[in-house]
Amino acid sequence: METKSVVTSLAALAHEGRLAIFRLLVQAGPNGVAAGKIARRLGVLPNTLSASLNILSHAGLIDSRREGRSIIYTAHYDTMRQLLAFLMEDCCAGSPEICAPLIAIASQSCGAQGACT
């Protein structure tokens, strides 16, 4: 992942509302969540939600698809994996015990959600 893409992704997540949306979509798994349900669950106004979804989409962190009248949003797990890999790339520097807890957490989370494969 290029540094510019990493900065764009981190900037998109550096907002309480957008981070909450992204976490909700990560938890939802590959089925995703309709925009209206996101707004209700997080108590977000439609125009604020739309702006946040656009920023997350532009950063490549989420995808959308139309199902009937609804737009369903999903986390883009490949981008999430690339971002996490970039952040951990130089982590160990000869000391694998530093990253071992992070790898264990990532493995455990992915196994529980089934979305990281």
N, C-alpha and C. Protein backbone atom coordinates (compact mmCIF):
# COMPACT_ATOMS: atom_id res chain seq x y z
N MET A 1 0.86 -1.18 0.00
CA MET A 1 0.00 0.00 0.00
C MET A 1 0.90 1.24 0.00
N GLU A 2 0.58 2.17 -0.85
CA GLU A 2 1.37 3.39 -0.95
C GLU A 2 1.06 4.33 0.21
N THR A 3 2.05 5.11 0.58
CA THR A 3 1.91 6.02 1.71
C THR A 3 0.73 6.98 1.53
N LYS A 4 0.52 7.47 0.33
CA LYS A 4 -0.60 8.40 0.08
C LYS A 4 -1.94 7.73 0.38
N SER A 5 -2.09 6.47 -0.01
CA SER A 5 -3.32 5.73 0.27
C SER A 5 -3.50 5.50 1.77
N VAL A 6 -2.39 5.23 2.45
CA VAL A 6 -2.44 5.02 3.90
C VAL A 6 -2.91 6.30 4.58
N VAL A 7 -2.35 7.42 4.17
CA VAL A 7 -2.73 8.71 4.77
C VAL A 7 -4.21 9.00 4.50
N THR A 8 -4.68 8.72 3.31
CA THR A 8 -6.09 8.93 2.98
C THR A 8 -6.98 8.05 3.85
N SER A 9 -6.61 6.79 4.02
CA SER A 9 -7.40 5.87 4.84
C SER A 9 -7.41 6.31 6.30
N LEU A 10 -6.24 6.66 6.82
CA LEU A 10 -6.17 7.07 8.22
C LEU A 10 -6.93 8.38 8.45
N ALA A 11 -6.85 9.29 7.49
CA ALA A 11 -7.60 10.55 7.60
C ALA A 11 -9.10 10.29 7.61
N ALA A 12 -9.55 9.34 6.79
CA ALA A 12 -10.97 9.00 6.75
C ALA A 12 -11.43 8.42 8.07
N LEU A 13 -10.57 7.67 8.73
CA LEU A 13 -10.93 7.04 10.00
C LEU A 13 -10.71 7.95 11.20
N ALA A 14 -10.06 9.08 10.98
CA ALA A 14 -9.72 9.99 12.08
C ALA A 14 -10.87 10.94 12.43
N HIS A 15 -12.06 10.38 12.48
CA HIS A 15 -13.26 11.14 12.85
C HIS A 15 -14.17 10.17 13.59
N GLU A 16 -14.66 10.58 14.72
CA GLU A 16 -15.45 9.69 15.57
C GLU A 16 -16.62 9.04 14.83
N GLY A 17 -17.35 9.81 14.08
CA GLY A 17 -18.51 9.29 13.36
C GLY A 17 -18.13 8.31 12.26
N ARG A 18 -17.11 8.67 11.47
CA ARG A 18 -16.69 7.78 10.39
C ARG A 18 -16.09 6.49 10.93
N LEU A 19 -15.35 6.60 12.02
CA LEU A 19 -14.78 5.41 12.64
C LEU A 19 -15.90 4.50 13.14
N ALA A 20 -16.94 5.08 13.72
CA ALA A 20 -18.09 4.28 14.20
C ALA A 20 -18.78 3.57 13.04
N ILE A 21 -18.94 4.27 11.92
CA ILE A 21 -19.56 3.66 10.74
C ILE A 21 -18.70 2.50 10.24
N PHE A 22 -17.40 2.74 10.12
CA PHE A 22 -16.52 1.69 9.62
C PHE A 22 -16.53 0.48 10.54
N ARG A 23 -16.47 0.70 11.84
CA ARG A 23 -16.49 -0.42 12.79
C ARG A 23 -17.81 -1.18 12.70
N LEU A 24 -18.92 -0.48 12.53
CA LEU A 24 -20.21 -1.13 12.37
C LEU A 24 -20.21 -2.02 11.13
N LEU A 25 -19.65 -1.51 10.04
CA LEU A 25 -19.61 -2.29 8.80
C LEU A 25 -18.66 -3.48 8.91
N VAL A 26 -17.55 -3.31 9.61
CA VAL A 26 -16.63 -4.43 9.82
C VAL A 26 -17.34 -5.52 10.61
N GLN A 27 -18.06 -5.13 11.65
CA GLN A 27 -18.79 -6.08 12.49
C GLN A 27 -19.91 -6.77 11.73
N ALA A 28 -20.50 -6.06 10.77
CA ALA A 28 -21.63 -6.62 10.01
C ALA A 28 -21.21 -7.73 9.07
N GLY A 29 -19.95 -7.74 8.68
CA GLY A 29 -19.49 -8.79 7.77
C GLY A 29 -19.86 -8.51 6.33
N PRO A 30 -19.72 -9.51 5.49
CA PRO A 30 -19.91 -9.31 4.05
C PRO A 30 -21.35 -9.01 3.63
N ASN A 31 -22.33 -9.26 4.49
CA ASN A 31 -23.72 -8.92 4.15
C ASN A 31 -23.96 -7.43 4.16
N GLY A 32 -23.20 -6.70 4.97
CA GLY A 32 -23.31 -5.25 5.01
C GLY A 32 -24.52 -4.74 5.75
N VAL A 33 -24.72 -3.43 5.65
CA VAL A 33 -25.81 -2.75 6.35
C VAL A 33 -26.37 -1.68 5.43
N ALA A 34 -27.69 -1.58 5.40
CA ALA A 34 -28.35 -0.53 4.61
C ALA A 34 -28.08 0.84 5.24
N ALA A 35 -28.02 1.85 4.39
CA ALA A 35 -27.72 3.21 4.85
C ALA A 35 -28.69 3.66 5.94
N GLY A 36 -29.97 3.39 5.76
CA GLY A 36 -30.96 3.79 6.76
C GLY A 36 -30.73 3.15 8.11
N LYS A 37 -30.33 1.90 8.10
CA LYS A 37 -30.06 1.19 9.35
C LYS A 37 -28.82 1.75 10.03
N ILE A 38 -27.80 2.11 9.23
CA ILE A 38 -26.61 2.75 9.81
C ILE A 38 -27.01 4.02 10.52
N ALA A 39 -27.82 4.85 9.85
CA ALA A 39 -28.26 6.12 10.43
C ALA A 39 -29.01 5.91 11.73
N ARG A 40 -29.92 4.93 11.76
CA ARG A 40 -30.69 4.66 12.97
C ARG A 40 -29.82 4.13 14.10
N ARG A 41 -28.95 3.17 13.77
CA ARG A 41 -28.11 2.55 14.82
C ARG A 41 -27.14 3.53 15.44
N LEU A 42 -26.63 4.47 14.64
CA LEU A 42 -25.64 5.40 15.15
C LEU A 42 -26.22 6.78 15.46
N GLY A 43 -27.48 6.98 15.15
CA GLY A 43 -28.11 8.27 15.42
C GLY A 43 -27.49 9.40 14.61
N VAL A 44 -27.25 9.12 13.32
CA VAL A 44 -26.59 10.08 12.43
C VAL A 44 -27.62 10.68 11.48
N LEU A 45 -27.53 11.98 11.27
CA LEU A 45 -28.41 12.64 10.31
C LEU A 45 -28.07 12.20 8.89
N PRO A 46 -29.07 12.13 8.01
CA PRO A 46 -28.83 11.64 6.65
C PRO A 46 -27.72 12.37 5.90
N ASN A 47 -27.68 13.72 5.99
CA ASN A 47 -26.65 14.45 5.24
C ASN A 47 -25.26 14.19 5.82
N THR A 48 -25.16 14.05 7.14
CA THR A 48 -23.89 13.74 7.77
C THR A 48 -23.44 12.33 7.39
N LEU A 49 -24.40 11.39 7.38
CA LEU A 49 -24.09 10.02 7.01
C LEU A 49 -23.60 9.96 5.57
N SER A 50 -24.28 10.65 4.68
CA SER A 50 -23.90 10.66 3.28
C SER A 50 -22.48 11.17 3.09
N ALA A 51 -22.14 12.26 3.76
CA ALA A 51 -20.79 12.82 3.65
C ALA A 51 -19.75 11.84 4.20
N SER A 52 -20.06 11.23 5.31
CA SER A 52 -19.13 10.26 5.92
C SER A 52 -18.93 9.05 5.02
N LEU A 53 -20.02 8.53 4.46
CA LEU A 53 -19.92 7.38 3.57
C LEU A 53 -19.11 7.71 2.32
N ASN A 54 -19.27 8.93 1.81
CA ASN A 54 -18.49 9.35 0.64
C ASN A 54 -17.00 9.39 0.96
N ILE A 55 -16.64 9.90 2.12
CA ILE A 55 -15.23 9.98 2.51
C ILE A 55 -14.65 8.58 2.67
N LEU A 56 -15.39 7.69 3.35
CA LEU A 56 -14.92 6.31 3.53
C LEU A 56 -14.81 5.58 2.20
N SER A 57 -15.74 5.83 1.31
CA SER A 57 -15.73 5.21 -0.01
C SER A 57 -14.54 5.71 -0.83
N HIS A 58 -14.32 7.01 -0.82
CA HIS A 58 -13.20 7.61 -1.54
C HIS A 58 -11.86 7.04 -1.05
N ALA A 59 -11.78 6.74 0.23
CA ALA A 59 -10.56 6.16 0.81
C ALA A 59 -10.43 4.68 0.50
N GLY A 60 -11.45 4.09 -0.12
CA GLY A 60 -11.41 2.67 -0.47
C GLY A 60 -11.69 1.75 0.70
N LEU A 61 -12.25 2.29 1.77
CA LEU A 61 -12.51 1.50 2.97
C LEU A 61 -13.86 0.81 2.96
N ILE A 62 -14.79 1.29 2.13
CA ILE A 62 -16.11 0.67 2.05
C ILE A 62 -16.54 0.53 0.60
N ASP A 63 -17.46 -0.39 0.40
CA ASP A 63 -18.08 -0.60 -0.91
C ASP A 63 -19.59 -0.45 -0.73
N SER A 64 -20.29 -0.27 -1.83
CA SER A 64 -21.75 -0.19 -1.77
C SER A 64 -22.35 -0.95 -2.93
N ARG A 65 -23.58 -1.39 -2.71
CA ARG A 65 -24.33 -2.05 -3.77
C ARG A 65 -25.81 -1.72 -3.56
N ARG A 66 -26.55 -1.71 -4.64
CA ARG A 66 -27.98 -1.43 -4.56
C ARG A 66 -28.74 -2.74 -4.45
N GLU A 67 -29.66 -2.77 -3.52
CA GLU A 67 -30.60 -3.90 -3.38
C GLU A 67 -31.99 -3.30 -3.30
N GLY A 68 -32.70 -3.35 -4.41
CA GLY A 68 -34.03 -2.73 -4.45
C GLY A 68 -33.90 -1.23 -4.25
N ARG A 69 -34.58 -0.73 -3.23
CA ARG A 69 -34.54 0.70 -2.94
C ARG A 69 -33.41 1.08 -1.99
N SER A 70 -32.74 0.10 -1.43
CA SER A 70 -31.70 0.34 -0.43
C SER A 70 -30.31 0.30 -1.04
N ILE A 71 -29.42 1.06 -0.42
CA ILE A 71 -28.00 0.95 -0.73
C ILE A 71 -27.36 0.27 0.47
N ILE A 72 -26.70 -0.84 0.20
CA ILE A 72 -26.06 -1.64 1.24
C ILE A 72 -24.57 -1.33 1.23
N TYR A 73 -24.04 -1.02 2.39
CA TYR A 73 -22.62 -0.71 2.52
C TYR A 73 -21.90 -1.84 3.23
N THR A 74 -20.70 -2.13 2.76
CA THR A 74 -19.87 -3.16 3.37
C THR A 74 -18.46 -2.62 3.55
N ALA A 75 -17.77 -3.14 4.54
CA ALA A 75 -16.36 -2.80 4.72
C ALA A 75 -15.57 -3.44 3.58
N HIS A 76 -14.59 -2.76 3.09
CA HIS A 76 -13.70 -3.32 2.06
C HIS A 76 -12.52 -3.95 2.81
N TYR A 77 -12.64 -5.24 3.07
CA TYR A 77 -11.69 -5.95 3.92
C TYR A 77 -10.29 -5.99 3.34
N ASP A 78 -10.16 -6.01 2.03
CA ASP A 78 -8.83 -6.05 1.44
C ASP A 78 -8.07 -4.77 1.77
N THR A 79 -8.72 -3.63 1.65
CA THR A 79 -8.08 -2.36 2.00
C THR A 79 -7.74 -2.33 3.48
N MET A 80 -8.64 -2.82 4.32
CA MET A 80 -8.38 -2.87 5.75
C MET A 80 -7.15 -3.72 6.04
N ARG A 81 -7.06 -4.88 5.39
CA ARG A 81 -5.90 -5.76 5.58
C ARG A 81 -4.61 -5.08 5.13
N GLN A 82 -4.67 -4.41 3.99
CA GLN A 82 -3.48 -3.71 3.48
C GLN A 82 -3.04 -2.60 4.43
N LEU A 83 -4.01 -1.87 4.97
CA LEU A 83 -3.70 -0.80 5.92
C LEU A 83 -3.06 -1.37 7.18
N LEU A 84 -3.64 -2.42 7.72
CA LEU A 84 -3.07 -3.04 8.92
C LEU A 84 -1.69 -3.62 8.64
N ALA A 85 -1.52 -4.22 7.49
CA ALA A 85 -0.21 -4.78 7.12
C ALA A 85 0.82 -3.66 7.01
N PHE A 86 0.44 -2.55 6.40
CA PHE A 86 1.36 -1.42 6.29
C PHE A 86 1.77 -0.93 7.67
N LEU A 87 0.81 -0.81 8.58
CA LEU A 87 1.10 -0.32 9.92
C LEU A 87 1.99 -1.27 10.71
N MET A 88 1.88 -2.57 10.42
CA MET A 88 2.65 -3.57 11.16
C MET A 88 3.91 -4.02 10.43
N GLU A 89 4.10 -3.53 9.21
CA GLU A 89 5.18 -4.00 8.35
C GLU A 89 6.55 -4.00 9.02
N ASP A 90 6.89 -2.96 9.70
CA ASP A 90 8.21 -2.85 10.31
C ASP A 90 8.14 -3.00 11.83
N CYS A 91 7.07 -3.57 12.30
CA CYS A 91 6.80 -3.64 13.74
C CYS A 91 7.85 -4.42 14.52
N CYS A 92 8.20 -5.57 14.08
CA CYS A 92 8.98 -6.48 14.91
C CYS A 92 10.45 -6.13 15.00
N ALA A 93 11.05 -5.71 13.93
CA ALA A 93 12.46 -5.32 13.92
C ALA A 93 13.33 -6.28 14.73
N GLY A 94 13.15 -7.55 14.48
CA GLY A 94 13.96 -8.54 15.18
C GLY A 94 13.40 -8.96 16.53
N SER A 95 12.24 -8.43 16.90
CA SER A 95 11.61 -8.77 18.17
C SER A 95 10.17 -9.20 17.93
N PRO A 96 9.96 -10.43 17.47
CA PRO A 96 8.60 -10.87 17.12
C PRO A 96 7.62 -10.84 18.29
N GLU A 97 8.10 -10.84 19.51
CA GLU A 97 7.19 -10.78 20.65
C GLU A 97 6.40 -9.47 20.71
N ILE A 98 6.91 -8.44 20.05
CA ILE A 98 6.21 -7.16 20.02
C ILE A 98 4.90 -7.30 19.24
N CYS A 99 4.95 -7.97 18.10
CA CYS A 99 3.77 -8.07 17.24
C CYS A 99 2.90 -9.29 17.54
N ALA A 100 3.41 -10.24 18.27
CA ALA A 100 2.65 -11.47 18.53
C ALA A 100 1.25 -11.18 19.09
N PRO A 101 1.12 -10.30 20.09
CA PRO A 101 -0.24 -10.03 20.60
C PRO A 101 -1.16 -9.42 19.55
N LEU A 102 -0.62 -8.57 18.69
CA LEU A 102 -1.43 -7.95 17.63
C LEU A 102 -1.88 -8.99 16.61
N ILE A 103 -0.99 -9.88 16.26
CA ILE A 103 -1.32 -10.94 15.30
C ILE A 103 -2.38 -11.86 15.89
N ALA A 104 -2.24 -12.17 17.18
CA ALA A 104 -3.23 -13.02 17.85
C ALA A 104 -4.60 -12.36 17.86
N ILE A 105 -4.65 -11.07 18.14
CA ILE A 105 -5.92 -10.33 18.15
C ILE A 105 -6.54 -10.33 16.76
N ALA A 106 -5.73 -10.06 15.74
CA ALA A 106 -6.23 -10.04 14.37
C ALA A 106 -6.76 -11.41 13.97
N SER A 107 -6.03 -12.46 14.31
CA SER A 107 -6.47 -13.81 13.96
C SER A 107 -7.77 -14.17 14.67
N GLN A 108 -7.86 -13.80 15.93
CA GLN A 108 -9.06 -14.10 16.72
C GLN A 108 -10.27 -13.34 16.17
N SER A 109 -10.09 -12.08 15.84
CA SER A 109 -11.19 -11.26 15.32
C SER A 109 -11.66 -11.78 13.97
N CYS A 110 -10.71 -12.09 13.12
CA CYS A 110 -11.08 -12.58 11.79
C CYS A 110 -11.81 -13.91 11.88
N GLY A 111 -11.38 -14.75 12.77
CA GLY A 111 -12.04 -16.04 12.93
C GLY A 111 -13.46 -15.88 13.42
N ALA A 112 -13.68 -14.96 14.34
CA ALA A 112 -15.01 -14.74 14.90
C ALA A 112 -15.96 -14.14 13.86
N GLN A 113 -15.45 -13.22 13.05
CA GLN A 113 -16.29 -12.55 12.07
C GLN A 113 -16.40 -13.32 10.77
N GLY A 114 -15.37 -14.09 10.47
CA GLY A 114 -15.37 -14.82 9.20
C GLY A 114 -15.20 -13.92 8.00
N ALA A 115 -14.84 -12.67 8.22
CA ALA A 115 -14.78 -11.73 7.13
C ALA A 115 -13.36 -11.40 6.69
N CYS A 116 -12.39 -11.86 7.40
CA CYS A 116 -11.01 -11.48 7.09
C CYS A 116 -10.31 -12.47 6.17
N THR A 117 -10.98 -13.50 5.76
CA THR A 117 -10.33 -14.49 4.90
C THR A 117 -10.30 -14.04 3.47
